[in-house]
Amino acid sequence: MSRLFPFIGFMLLVGLFGFGIWWNTQHDPNAIPTPLLNKPAPEFNLPKLYEPAQTVSKADLLGKPYLLNVFASWCIECGVEHPVLTAEGPTLGVALVGYNYKDAPDDAKGWLAKHGNPYDLLIADEPGHTAIDFGVYGAPESFLIDAKGVIRYKHIGPLTPDVMAKELKPAIAAMLKEAP
């Protein structure tokens, strides 16, 4: 009987290894679920980046869909994403709202002056408190929000041409098709 213990232990390890391989073929190991999908976006009231005395709230953005793109001057991957937003942003069919995250306003303005500004509107969350309500893990992240203020799509990481073509643009098309 004691001779079977190593064999049983080996078979258990093989079974666990096999289950792990199967699990990863059935699920995207990089996907991070969001509990906010198809739920109302959190309430917010944030200053405009270039006019901090003026604020923008969720209510101000109701009525038209938009892509909320979380970025920062310190974010390396935002530099990868930025040329894609510049090229593809005007073709999306929704407003592009830049959400500057945990960044000094002068740093963000300098970064945008250097790389260009693809955004229709820029808001700032220097302390990062509102980002917590959105479930932001870091920058870049993007949220597709419909005209009623409901989050329809979330992407963590840079928006690449592949992500734009295979995920974001189809999500936008589906959302616009559902709109009255």
C-alpha atoms as a PDB file:
ATOM      1  CA  MET A   1       0.000   0.000   0.000  1.00  0.00           C
ATOM      2  CA  SER A   2       2.771   2.480   0.871  1.00  0.00           C
ATOM      3  CA  ARG A   3       4.186   1.942  -2.647  1.00  0.00           C
ATOM      4  CA  LEU A   4       1.026   3.459  -4.126  1.00  0.00           C
ATOM      5  CA  PHE A   5       1.385   6.839  -2.349  1.00  0.00           C
ATOM      6  CA  PRO A   6       4.014   8.229  -4.747  1.00  0.00           C
ATOM      7  CA  PHE A   7       1.998   7.037  -7.729  1.00  0.00           C
ATOM      8  CA  ILE A   8      -1.228   8.565  -6.349  1.00  0.00           C
ATOM      9  CA  GLY A   9       0.595  11.822  -5.591  1.00  0.00           C
ATOM     10  CA  PHE A  10       2.035  11.890  -9.111  1.00  0.00           C
ATOM     11  CA  MET A  11      -1.406  11.278 -10.647  1.00  0.00           C
ATOM     12  CA  LEU A  12      -2.910  14.092  -8.557  1.00  0.00           C
ATOM     13  CA  LEU A  13      -0.221  16.484  -9.805  1.00  0.00           C
ATOM     14  CA  VAL A  14      -0.819  15.419 -13.414  1.00  0.00           C
ATOM     15  CA  GLY A  15      -4.552  15.958 -12.900  1.00  0.00           C
ATOM     16  CA  LEU A  16      -4.036  19.446 -11.463  1.00  0.00           C
ATOM     17  CA  PHE A  17      -1.660  20.355 -14.283  1.00  0.00           C
ATOM     18  CA  GLY A  18      -4.150  19.097 -16.872  1.00  0.00           C
ATOM     19  CA  PHE A  19      -6.975  21.050 -15.246  1.00  0.00           C
ATOM     20  CA  GLY A  20      -4.841  24.223 -15.336  1.00  0.00           C
ATOM     21  CA  ILE A  21      -4.168  23.807 -19.042  1.00  0.00           C
ATOM     22  CA  TRP A  22      -7.852  23.176 -19.751  1.00  0.00           C
ATOM     23  CA  TRP A  23      -8.905  26.190 -17.649  1.00  0.00           C
ATOM     24  CA  ASN A  24      -6.590  28.549 -19.563  1.00  0.00           C
ATOM     25  CA  THR A  25      -7.940  27.353 -22.903  1.00  0.00           C
ATOM     26  CA  GLN A  26     -11.483  28.124 -21.736  1.00  0.00           C
ATOM     27  CA  HIS A  27     -10.796  31.472 -20.040  1.00  0.00           C
ATOM     28  CA  ASP A  28      -8.668  34.502 -20.874  1.00  0.00           C
ATOM     29  CA  PRO A  29      -6.055  34.605 -18.087  1.00  0.00           C
ATOM     30  CA  ASN A  30      -5.518  38.338 -18.730  1.00  0.00           C
ATOM     31  CA  ALA A  31      -9.191  39.284 -18.466  1.00  0.00           C
ATOM     32  CA  ILE A  32     -10.166  41.151 -15.336  1.00  0.00           C
ATOM     33  CA  PRO A  33     -13.941  41.213 -14.880  1.00  0.00           C
ATOM     34  CA  THR A  34     -15.668  44.443 -13.992  1.00  0.00           C
ATOM     35  CA  PRO A  35     -18.815  44.491 -11.873  1.00  0.00           C
ATOM     36  CA  LEU A  36     -19.770  47.798 -13.546  1.00  0.00           C
ATOM     37  CA  LEU A  37     -20.386  46.366 -17.022  1.00  0.00           C
ATOM     38  CA  ASN A  38     -23.949  47.192 -18.144  1.00  0.00           C
ATOM     39  CA  LYS A  39     -24.470  49.234 -14.980  1.00  0.00           C
ATOM     40  CA  PRO A  40     -24.610  53.022 -14.582  1.00  0.00           C
ATOM     41  CA  ALA A  41     -21.248  54.745 -14.517  1.00  0.00           C
ATOM     42  CA  PRO A  42     -20.398  56.223 -11.120  1.00  0.00           C
ATOM     43  CA  GLU A  43     -21.359  59.803 -10.398  1.00  0.00           C
ATOM     44  CA  PHE A  44     -18.471  62.233 -10.760  1.00  0.00           C
ATOM     45  CA  ASN A  45     -17.733  65.935 -10.844  1.00  0.00           C
ATOM     46  CA  LEU A  46     -14.174  66.624 -11.987  1.00  0.00           C
ATOM     47  CA  PRO A  47     -12.316  69.740 -13.096  1.00  0.00           C
ATOM     48  CA  LYS A  48     -11.407  70.320 -16.717  1.00  0.00           C
ATOM     49  CA  LEU A  49      -7.678  69.917 -17.230  1.00  0.00           C
ATOM     50  CA  TYR A  50      -7.177  73.258 -18.998  1.00  0.00           C
ATOM     51  CA  GLU A  51      -9.885  75.155 -17.066  1.00  0.00           C
ATOM     52  CA  PRO A  52      -9.839  73.754 -13.510  1.00  0.00           C
ATOM     53  CA  ALA A  53     -12.391  76.289 -12.277  1.00  0.00           C
ATOM     54  CA  GLN A  54     -14.930  74.561 -14.533  1.00  0.00           C
ATOM     55  CA  THR A  55     -16.112  71.049 -13.731  1.00  0.00           C
ATOM     56  CA  VAL A  56     -17.689  68.256 -15.732  1.00  0.00           C
ATOM     57  CA  SER A  57     -20.155  65.831 -14.176  1.00  0.00           C
ATOM     58  CA  LYS A  58     -21.687  62.588 -15.306  1.00  0.00           C
ATOM     59  CA  ALA A  59     -24.943  64.477 -15.827  1.00  0.00           C
ATOM     60  CA  ASP A  60     -23.184  66.892 -18.206  1.00  0.00           C
ATOM     61  CA  LEU A  61     -22.209  63.983 -20.449  1.00  0.00           C
ATOM     62  CA  LEU A  62     -25.626  62.284 -20.574  1.00  0.00           C
ATOM     63  CA  GLY A  63     -27.358  62.278 -23.949  1.00  0.00           C
ATOM     64  CA  LYS A  64     -24.402  61.264 -26.112  1.00  0.00           C
ATOM     65  CA  PRO A  65     -22.166  58.199 -25.918  1.00  0.00           C
ATOM     66  CA  TYR A  66     -18.464  58.612 -25.199  1.00  0.00           C
ATOM     67  CA  LEU A  67     -15.245  56.729 -24.672  1.00  0.00           C
ATOM     68  CA  LEU A  68     -13.627  57.628 -21.349  1.00  0.00           C
ATOM     69  CA  ASN A  69      -9.889  57.043 -21.710  1.00  0.00           C
ATOM     70  CA  VAL A  70      -7.802  56.985 -18.523  1.00  0.00           C
ATOM     71  CA  PHE A  71      -4.258  58.239 -19.171  1.00  0.00           C
ATOM     72  CA  ALA A  72      -1.309  59.901 -17.408  1.00  0.00           C
ATOM     73  CA  SER A  73       1.984  61.490 -18.370  1.00  0.00           C
ATOM     74  CA  TRP A  74       3.865  58.945 -16.234  1.00  0.00           C
ATOM     75  CA  CYS A  75       2.188  55.999 -17.993  1.00  0.00           C
ATOM     76  CA  ILE A  76       4.523  54.270 -20.452  1.00  0.00           C
ATOM     77  CA  GLU A  77       1.758  52.246 -22.118  1.00  0.00           C
ATOM     78  CA  CYS A  78      -0.230  55.454 -22.670  1.00  0.00           C
ATOM     79  CA  GLY A  79       2.529  56.474 -25.078  1.00  0.00           C
ATOM     80  CA  VAL A  80       1.914  53.241 -26.994  1.00  0.00           C
ATOM     81  CA  GLU A  81      -1.836  53.872 -27.088  1.00  0.00           C
ATOM     82  CA  HIS A  82      -1.718  57.585 -27.897  1.00  0.00           C
ATOM     83  CA  PRO A  83      -0.923  57.373 -31.641  1.00  0.00           C
ATOM     84  CA  VAL A  84      -3.775  54.875 -32.020  1.00  0.00           C
ATOM     85  CA  LEU A  85      -6.201  57.258 -30.297  1.00  0.00           C
ATOM     86  CA  THR A  86      -4.956  60.122 -32.457  1.00  0.00           C
ATOM     87  CA  ALA A  87      -5.470  58.138 -35.664  1.00  0.00           C
ATOM     88  CA  GLU A  88      -8.655  56.244 -34.753  1.00  0.00           C
ATOM     89  CA  GLY A  89     -10.396  58.667 -32.377  1.00  0.00           C
ATOM     90  CA  PRO A  90     -12.068  60.798 -35.055  1.00  0.00           C
ATOM     91  CA  THR A  91     -13.503  57.679 -36.746  1.00  0.00           C
ATOM     92  CA  LEU A  92     -15.089  56.109 -33.650  1.00  0.00           C
ATOM     93  CA  GLY A  93     -18.446  57.867 -33.870  1.00  0.00           C
ATOM     94  CA  VAL A  94     -18.412  58.764 -30.167  1.00  0.00           C
ATOM     95  CA  ALA A  95     -16.759  61.573 -28.211  1.00  0.00           C
ATOM     96  CA  LEU A  96     -13.330  60.841 -26.792  1.00  0.00           C
ATOM     97  CA  VAL A  97     -13.043  62.039 -23.189  1.00  0.00           C
ATOM     98  CA  GLY A  98      -9.559  62.086 -21.694  1.00  0.00           C
ATOM     99  CA  TYR A  99      -9.432  61.240 -17.986  1.00  0.00           C
ATOM    100  CA  ASN A 100      -6.094  62.379 -16.574  1.00  0.00           C
ATOM    101  CA  TYR A 101      -5.349  60.075 -13.632  1.00  0.00           C
ATOM    102  CA  LYS A 102      -3.118  60.782 -10.614  1.00  0.00           C
ATOM    103  CA  ASP A 103      -1.072  63.279 -12.564  1.00  0.00           C
ATOM    104  CA  ALA A 104       0.105  66.835 -11.954  1.00  0.00           C
ATOM    105  CA  PRO A 105      -1.846  69.084 -14.337  1.00  0.00           C
ATOM    106  CA  ASP A 106       1.312  70.741 -15.705  1.00  0.00           C
ATOM    107  CA  ASP A 107       2.840  67.317 -16.424  1.00  0.00           C
ATOM    108  CA  ALA A 108      -0.299  66.231 -18.281  1.00  0.00           C
ATOM    109  CA  LYS A 109      -0.436  69.463 -20.279  1.00  0.00           C
ATOM    110  CA  GLY A 110       3.236  69.108 -21.209  1.00  0.00           C
ATOM    111  CA  TRP A 111       2.739  65.502 -22.273  1.00  0.00           C
ATOM    112  CA  LEU A 112      -0.249  66.460 -24.449  1.00  0.00           C
ATOM    113  CA  ALA A 113       1.692  69.387 -25.959  1.00  0.00           C
ATOM    114  CA  LYS A 114       4.452  66.961 -26.928  1.00  0.00           C
ATOM    115  CA  HIS A 115       2.288  64.069 -28.169  1.00  0.00           C
ATOM    116  CA  GLY A 116      -0.845  65.861 -29.365  1.00  0.00           C
ATOM    117  CA  ASN A 117      -4.351  66.037 -27.965  1.00  0.00           C
ATOM    118  CA  PRO A 118      -6.814  63.570 -29.493  1.00  0.00           C
ATOM    119  CA  TYR A 119      -9.503  64.283 -26.891  1.00  0.00           C
ATOM    120  CA  ASP A 120     -12.779  66.153 -27.347  1.00  0.00           C
ATOM    121  CA  LEU A 121     -12.830  66.895 -23.609  1.00  0.00           C
ATOM    122  CA  LEU A 122     -10.208  66.572 -20.867  1.00  0.00           C
ATOM    123  CA  ILE A 123     -10.971  66.052 -17.188  1.00  0.00           C
ATOM    124  CA  ALA A 124      -8.539  65.566 -14.319  1.00  0.00           C
ATOM    125  CA  ASP A 125      -8.565  63.370 -11.226  1.00  0.00           C
ATOM    126  CA  GLU A 126      -5.248  64.256  -9.603  1.00  0.00           C
ATOM    127  CA  PRO A 127      -5.947  62.499  -6.271  1.00  0.00           C
ATOM    128  CA  GLY A 128      -7.501  59.477  -8.026  1.00  0.00           C
ATOM    129  CA  HIS A 129     -10.574  59.263  -5.793  1.00  0.00           C
ATOM    130  CA  THR A 130     -13.161  59.065  -8.585  1.00  0.00           C
ATOM    131  CA  ALA A 131     -11.081  56.434 -10.374  1.00  0.00           C
ATOM    132  CA  ILE A 132     -11.671  54.135  -7.399  1.00  0.00           C
ATOM    133  CA  ASP A 133     -15.418  54.331  -8.055  1.00  0.00           C
ATOM    134  CA  PHE A 134     -14.791  53.295 -11.672  1.00  0.00           C
ATOM    135  CA  GLY A 135     -12.625  50.389 -10.546  1.00  0.00           C
ATOM    136  CA  VAL A 136      -9.556  51.739 -12.304  1.00  0.00           C
ATOM    137  CA  TYR A 137      -6.486  49.535 -11.795  1.00  0.00           C
ATOM    138  CA  GLY A 138      -4.101  51.932 -13.523  1.00  0.00           C
ATOM    139  CA  ALA A 139      -3.533  53.669 -16.803  1.00  0.00           C
ATOM    140  CA  PRO A 140      -4.399  53.173 -19.563  1.00  0.00           C
ATOM    141  CA  GLU A 141      -7.955  51.961 -19.241  1.00  0.00           C
ATOM    142  CA  SER A 142     -10.974  52.788 -21.362  1.00  0.00           C
ATOM    143  CA  PHE A 143     -14.719  52.754 -20.690  1.00  0.00           C
ATOM    144  CA  LEU A 144     -17.384  52.944 -23.394  1.00  0.00           C
ATOM    145  CA  ILE A 145     -20.367  54.734 -21.872  1.00  0.00           C
ATOM    146  CA  ASP A 146     -23.704  55.019 -23.648  1.00  0.00           C
ATOM    147  CA  ALA A 147     -25.985  58.064 -23.872  1.00  0.00           C
ATOM    148  CA  LYS A 148     -27.835  56.945 -20.715  1.00  0.00           C
ATOM    149  CA  GLY A 149     -24.594  56.791 -18.716  1.00  0.00           C
ATOM    150  CA  VAL A 150     -24.279  52.989 -18.696  1.00  0.00           C
ATOM    151  CA  ILE A 151     -20.855  51.348 -19.047  1.00  0.00           C
ATOM    152  CA  ARG A 152     -21.019  49.083 -22.107  1.00  0.00           C
ATOM    153  CA  TYR A 153     -17.369  48.055 -22.472  1.00  0.00           C
ATOM    154  CA  LYS A 154     -14.163  48.244 -20.473  1.00  0.00           C
ATOM    155  CA  HIS A 155     -10.623  47.631 -21.645  1.00  0.00           C
ATOM    156  CA  ILE A 156      -7.610  47.457 -19.351  1.00  0.00           C
ATOM    157  CA  GLY A 157      -4.332  48.285 -21.077  1.00  0.00           C
ATOM    158  CA  PRO A 158      -3.505  50.154 -24.256  1.00  0.00           C
ATOM    159  CA  LEU A 159      -5.983  50.363 -27.103  1.00  0.00           C
ATOM    160  CA  THR A 160      -4.060  48.835 -29.998  1.00  0.00           C
ATOM    161  CA  PRO A 161      -5.197  48.695 -33.637  1.00  0.00           C
ATOM    162  CA  ASP A 162      -6.150  45.058 -33.031  1.00  0.00           C
ATOM    163  CA  VAL A 163      -8.228  45.881 -29.922  1.00  0.00           C
ATOM    164  CA  MET A 164      -9.871  48.767 -31.780  1.00  0.00           C
ATOM    165  CA  ALA A 165     -10.841  46.554 -34.736  1.00  0.00           C
ATOM    166  CA  LYS A 166     -11.852  43.400 -32.870  1.00  0.00           C
ATOM    167  CA  GLU A 167     -13.348  44.759 -29.642  1.00  0.00           C
ATOM    168  CA  LEU A 168     -13.985  48.495 -29.371  1.00  0.00           C
ATOM    169  CA  LYS A 169     -15.435  49.302 -32.801  1.00  0.00           C
ATOM    170  CA  PRO A 170     -17.812  46.312 -32.700  1.00  0.00           C
ATOM    171  CA  ALA A 171     -18.876  47.346 -29.168  1.00  0.00           C
ATOM    172  CA  ILE A 172     -19.532  50.894 -30.396  1.00  0.00           C
ATOM    173  CA  ALA A 173     -21.494  49.623 -33.412  1.00  0.00           C
ATOM    174  CA  ALA A 174     -23.611  47.337 -31.234  1.00  0.00           C
ATOM    175  CA  MET A 175     -24.253  50.130 -28.737  1.00  0.00           C
ATOM    176  CA  LEU A 176     -25.238  52.636 -31.442  1.00  0.00           C
ATOM    177  CA  LYS A 177     -27.501  50.043 -33.082  1.00  0.00           C
ATOM    178  CA  GLU A 178     -29.369  49.574 -29.763  1.00  0.00           C
ATOM    179  CA  ALA A 179     -29.811  53.323 -29.245  1.00  0.00           C
ATOM    180  CA  PRO A 180     -33.283  54.712 -30.075  1.00  0.00           C
END
